[in-house]
C-alpha atoms as a PDB file:
ATOM      1  CA  MET A   1      68.158  43.494  93.719  1.00  0.00           C
ATOM      2  CA  ASP A   2      65.669  41.655  95.916  1.00  0.00           C
ATOM      3  CA  SER A   3      62.059  41.892  94.700  1.00  0.00           C
ATOM      4  CA  LYS A   4      60.788  42.952  98.130  1.00  0.00           C
ATOM      5  CA  LEU A   5      63.260  45.830  98.146  1.00  0.00           C
ATOM      6  CA  GLN A   6      62.227  46.791  94.612  1.00  0.00           C
ATOM      7  CA  TYR A   7      58.590  46.816  95.697  1.00  0.00           C
ATOM      8  CA  LYS A   8      59.435  48.917  98.754  1.00  0.00           C
ATOM      9  CA  LEU A   9      61.278  51.453  96.574  1.00  0.00           C
ATOM     10  CA  LEU A  10      58.268  51.689  94.264  1.00  0.00           C
ATOM     11  CA  VAL A  11      55.888  52.239  97.185  1.00  0.00           C
ATOM     12  CA  GLU A  12      58.168  54.864  98.749  1.00  0.00           C
ATOM     13  CA  SER A  13      58.546  56.744  95.476  1.00  0.00           C
ATOM     14  CA  LEU A  14      54.782  56.725  94.892  1.00  0.00           C
ATOM     15  CA  ASN A  15      54.179  57.940  98.436  1.00  0.00           C
ATOM     16  CA  LEU A  16      56.611  60.782  97.903  1.00  0.00           C
ATOM     17  CA  LEU A  17      55.051  61.645  94.542  1.00  0.00           C
ATOM     18  CA  ALA A  18      51.535  61.560  96.040  1.00  0.00           C
ATOM     19  CA  SER A  19      52.502  63.924  98.861  1.00  0.00           C
ATOM     20  CA  SER A  20      51.940  67.658  98.945  1.00  0.00           C
ATOM     21  CA  TYR A  21      54.864  69.847  97.966  1.00  0.00           C
ATOM     22  CA  GLU A  22      55.431  70.784 101.615  1.00  0.00           C
ATOM     23  CA  ASN A  23      55.670  67.130 102.631  1.00  0.00           C
ATOM     24  CA  GLN A  24      57.934  66.401  99.668  1.00  0.00           C
ATOM     25  CA  LYS A  25      60.204  69.300 100.604  1.00  0.00           C
ATOM     26  CA  ASN A  26      60.332  68.245 104.256  1.00  0.00           C
ATOM     27  CA  SER A  27      61.157  64.646 103.283  1.00  0.00           C
ATOM     28  CA  LEU A  28      64.268  65.570 101.325  1.00  0.00           C
ATOM     29  CA  PRO A  29      67.603  67.153 102.266  1.00  0.00           C
ATOM     30  CA  ASP A  30      67.774  70.937 101.886  1.00  0.00           C
ATOM     31  CA  PHE A  31      70.350  70.783  99.100  1.00  0.00           C
ATOM     32  CA  THR A  32      68.098  68.838  96.712  1.00  0.00           C
ATOM     33  CA  GLU A  33      65.967  70.223  93.919  1.00  0.00           C
ATOM     34  CA  VAL A  34      62.633  68.845  95.106  1.00  0.00           C
ATOM     35  CA  LYS A  35      60.951  68.547  91.712  1.00  0.00           C
ATOM     36  CA  ASP A  36      63.953  66.880  90.098  1.00  0.00           C
ATOM     37  CA  GLU A  37      64.421  64.475  92.997  1.00  0.00           C
ATOM     38  CA  ILE A  38      60.743  63.454  93.024  1.00  0.00           C
ATOM     39  CA  ILE A  39      60.744  62.832  89.278  1.00  0.00           C
ATOM     40  CA  ALA A  40      64.025  60.899  89.405  1.00  0.00           C
ATOM     41  CA  SER A  41      62.889  58.815  92.371  1.00  0.00           C
ATOM     42  CA  PHE A  42      59.709  57.622  90.695  1.00  0.00           C
ATOM     43  CA  GLY A  43      61.419  57.305  87.315  1.00  0.00           C
ATOM     44  CA  ASP A  44      64.066  55.015  88.807  1.00  0.00           C
ATOM     45  CA  ALA A  45      61.454  52.951  90.647  1.00  0.00           C
ATOM     46  CA  PHE A  46      59.386  52.683  87.472  1.00  0.00           C
ATOM     47  CA  LEU A  47      62.329  50.975  85.759  1.00  0.00           C
ATOM     48  CA  LEU A  48      61.920  48.134  88.277  1.00  0.00           C
ATOM     49  CA  LEU A  49      58.341  47.494  87.169  1.00  0.00           C
ATOM     50  CA  PRO A  50      59.102  44.633  84.726  1.00  0.00           C
ATOM     51  CA  GLN A  51      60.799  42.571  87.438  1.00  0.00           C
ATOM     52  CA  LEU A  52      57.915  43.173  89.837  1.00  0.00           C
ATOM     53  CA  ILE A  53      55.419  42.144  87.163  1.00  0.00           C
ATOM     54  CA  GLU A  54      57.378  38.962  86.457  1.00  0.00           C
ATOM     55  CA  GLN A  55      57.348  38.140  90.168  1.00  0.00           C
ATOM     56  CA  ASP A  56      53.550  38.721  90.378  1.00  0.00           C
ATOM     57  CA  PHE A  57      53.902  41.492  92.960  1.00  0.00           C
ATOM     58  CA  LEU A  58      51.260  43.653  91.289  1.00  0.00           C
ATOM     59  CA  SER A  59      47.709  43.271  90.050  1.00  0.00           C
ATOM     60  CA  LYS A  60      46.781  44.328  86.527  1.00  0.00           C
ATOM     61  CA  LYS A  61      44.876  47.268  87.991  1.00  0.00           C
ATOM     62  CA  ALA A  62      47.920  48.403  89.984  1.00  0.00           C
ATOM     63  CA  ILE A  63      50.172  48.046  86.941  1.00  0.00           C
ATOM     64  CA  ALA A  64      47.788  50.168  84.864  1.00  0.00           C
ATOM     65  CA  SER A  65      47.656  52.829  87.590  1.00  0.00           C
ATOM     66  CA  ILE A  66      51.433  52.966  87.916  1.00  0.00           C
ATOM     67  CA  ILE A  67      51.899  53.284  84.151  1.00  0.00           C
ATOM     68  CA  ARG A  68      49.188  55.953  83.952  1.00  0.00           C
ATOM     69  CA  CYS A  69      50.890  57.914  86.730  1.00  0.00           C
ATOM     70  CA  PHE A  70      54.287  57.611  85.049  1.00  0.00           C
ATOM     71  CA  ASN A  71      52.894  58.775  81.704  1.00  0.00           C
ATOM     72  CA  TRP A  72      51.271  61.842  83.279  1.00  0.00           C
ATOM     73  CA  MET A  73      54.464  62.642  85.174  1.00  0.00           C
ATOM     74  CA  GLU A  74      56.559  62.386  82.010  1.00  0.00           C
ATOM     75  CA  LEU A  75      54.158  64.589  80.057  1.00  0.00           C
ATOM     76  CA  ALA A  76      54.166  67.197  82.823  1.00  0.00           C
ATOM     77  CA  ALA A  77      57.947  67.124  83.202  1.00  0.00           C
ATOM     78  CA  ARG A  78      58.436  67.679  79.461  1.00  0.00           C
ATOM     79  CA  ASN A  79      55.815  70.417  79.128  1.00  0.00           C
ATOM     80  CA  ASP A  80      57.628  73.759  79.343  1.00  0.00           C
ATOM     81  CA  SER A  81      54.468  75.554  80.450  1.00  0.00           C
ATOM     82  CA  VAL A  82      54.288  73.493  83.681  1.00  0.00           C
ATOM     83  CA  SER A  83      57.918  72.521  84.223  1.00  0.00           C
ATOM     84  CA  ASP A  84      58.889  75.330  86.611  1.00  0.00           C
ATOM     85  CA  LEU A  85      58.834  74.997  90.410  1.00  0.00           C
ATOM     86  CA  GLU A  86      55.748  77.183  90.870  1.00  0.00           C
ATOM     87  CA  SER A  87      53.789  74.932  88.508  1.00  0.00           C
ATOM     88  CA  PHE A  88      55.128  71.836  90.264  1.00  0.00           C
ATOM     89  CA  ILE A  89      53.732  73.215  93.516  1.00  0.00           C
ATOM     90  CA  ASN A  90      50.369  74.526  92.305  1.00  0.00           C
ATOM     91  CA  HIS A  91      49.439  73.539  88.746  1.00  0.00           C
ATOM     92  CA  GLU A  92      46.484  71.221  88.184  1.00  0.00           C
ATOM     93  CA  THR A  93      48.612  68.940  85.993  1.00  0.00           C
ATOM     94  CA  TRP A  94      50.963  68.179  88.882  1.00  0.00           C
ATOM     95  CA  SER A  95      47.964  67.851  91.212  1.00  0.00           C
ATOM     96  CA  LYS A  96      46.668  65.184  88.828  1.00  0.00           C
ATOM     97  CA  VAL A  97      50.039  63.388  88.977  1.00  0.00           C
ATOM     98  CA  ARG A  98      49.847  63.398  92.788  1.00  0.00           C
ATOM     99  CA  GLU A  99      46.276  62.097  92.615  1.00  0.00           C
ATOM    100  CA  LEU A 100      47.283  59.299  90.229  1.00  0.00           C
ATOM    101  CA  ALA A 101      50.170  58.315  92.505  1.00  0.00           C
ATOM    102  CA  GLY A 102      47.686  58.031  95.369  1.00  0.00           C
ATOM    103  CA  GLU A 103      45.382  55.909  93.218  1.00  0.00           C
ATOM    104  CA  ALA A 104      48.287  53.630  92.319  1.00  0.00           C
ATOM    105  CA  LEU A 105      49.037  53.131  96.017  1.00  0.00           C
ATOM    106  CA  LYS A 106      45.378  52.355  96.653  1.00  0.00           C
ATOM    107  CA  ASP A 107      45.347  49.831  93.808  1.00  0.00           C
ATOM    108  CA  MET A 108      48.454  48.258  95.363  1.00  0.00           C
ATOM    109  CA  ASN A 109      46.630  48.055  98.723  1.00  0.00           C
ATOM    110  CA  GLU A 110      49.277  50.304 100.249  1.00  0.00           C
ATOM    111  CA  GLU A 111      48.784  53.062 102.802  1.00  0.00           C
ATOM    112  CA  ARG A 112      49.716  56.641 102.005  1.00  0.00           C
ATOM    113  CA  PHE A 113      51.947  58.275 104.561  1.00  0.00           C
END
């Protein structure tokens, strides 16, 4: 896969993750499970990180922010006390994940949509 496309997928997944639940829901088809789709989207994009690092697409600060965001997302997704949809919408842990995704975009010099 082309590195520019990989980068674009990473940016799009971070933008989606950084968005409010309402924006996330409105961005996806009605038949999807919003939480699962958001997690899968960023998880898949995260797997492209090594290639983007090798191609010097990202600063060290951006890489650290992306990894931090991924780690928080994984911890939240695996924590039964915040893994339900209501928690995904309102819990402070998921708010922190959204905040970290926004910080990663900022560190990548990318605009949030």
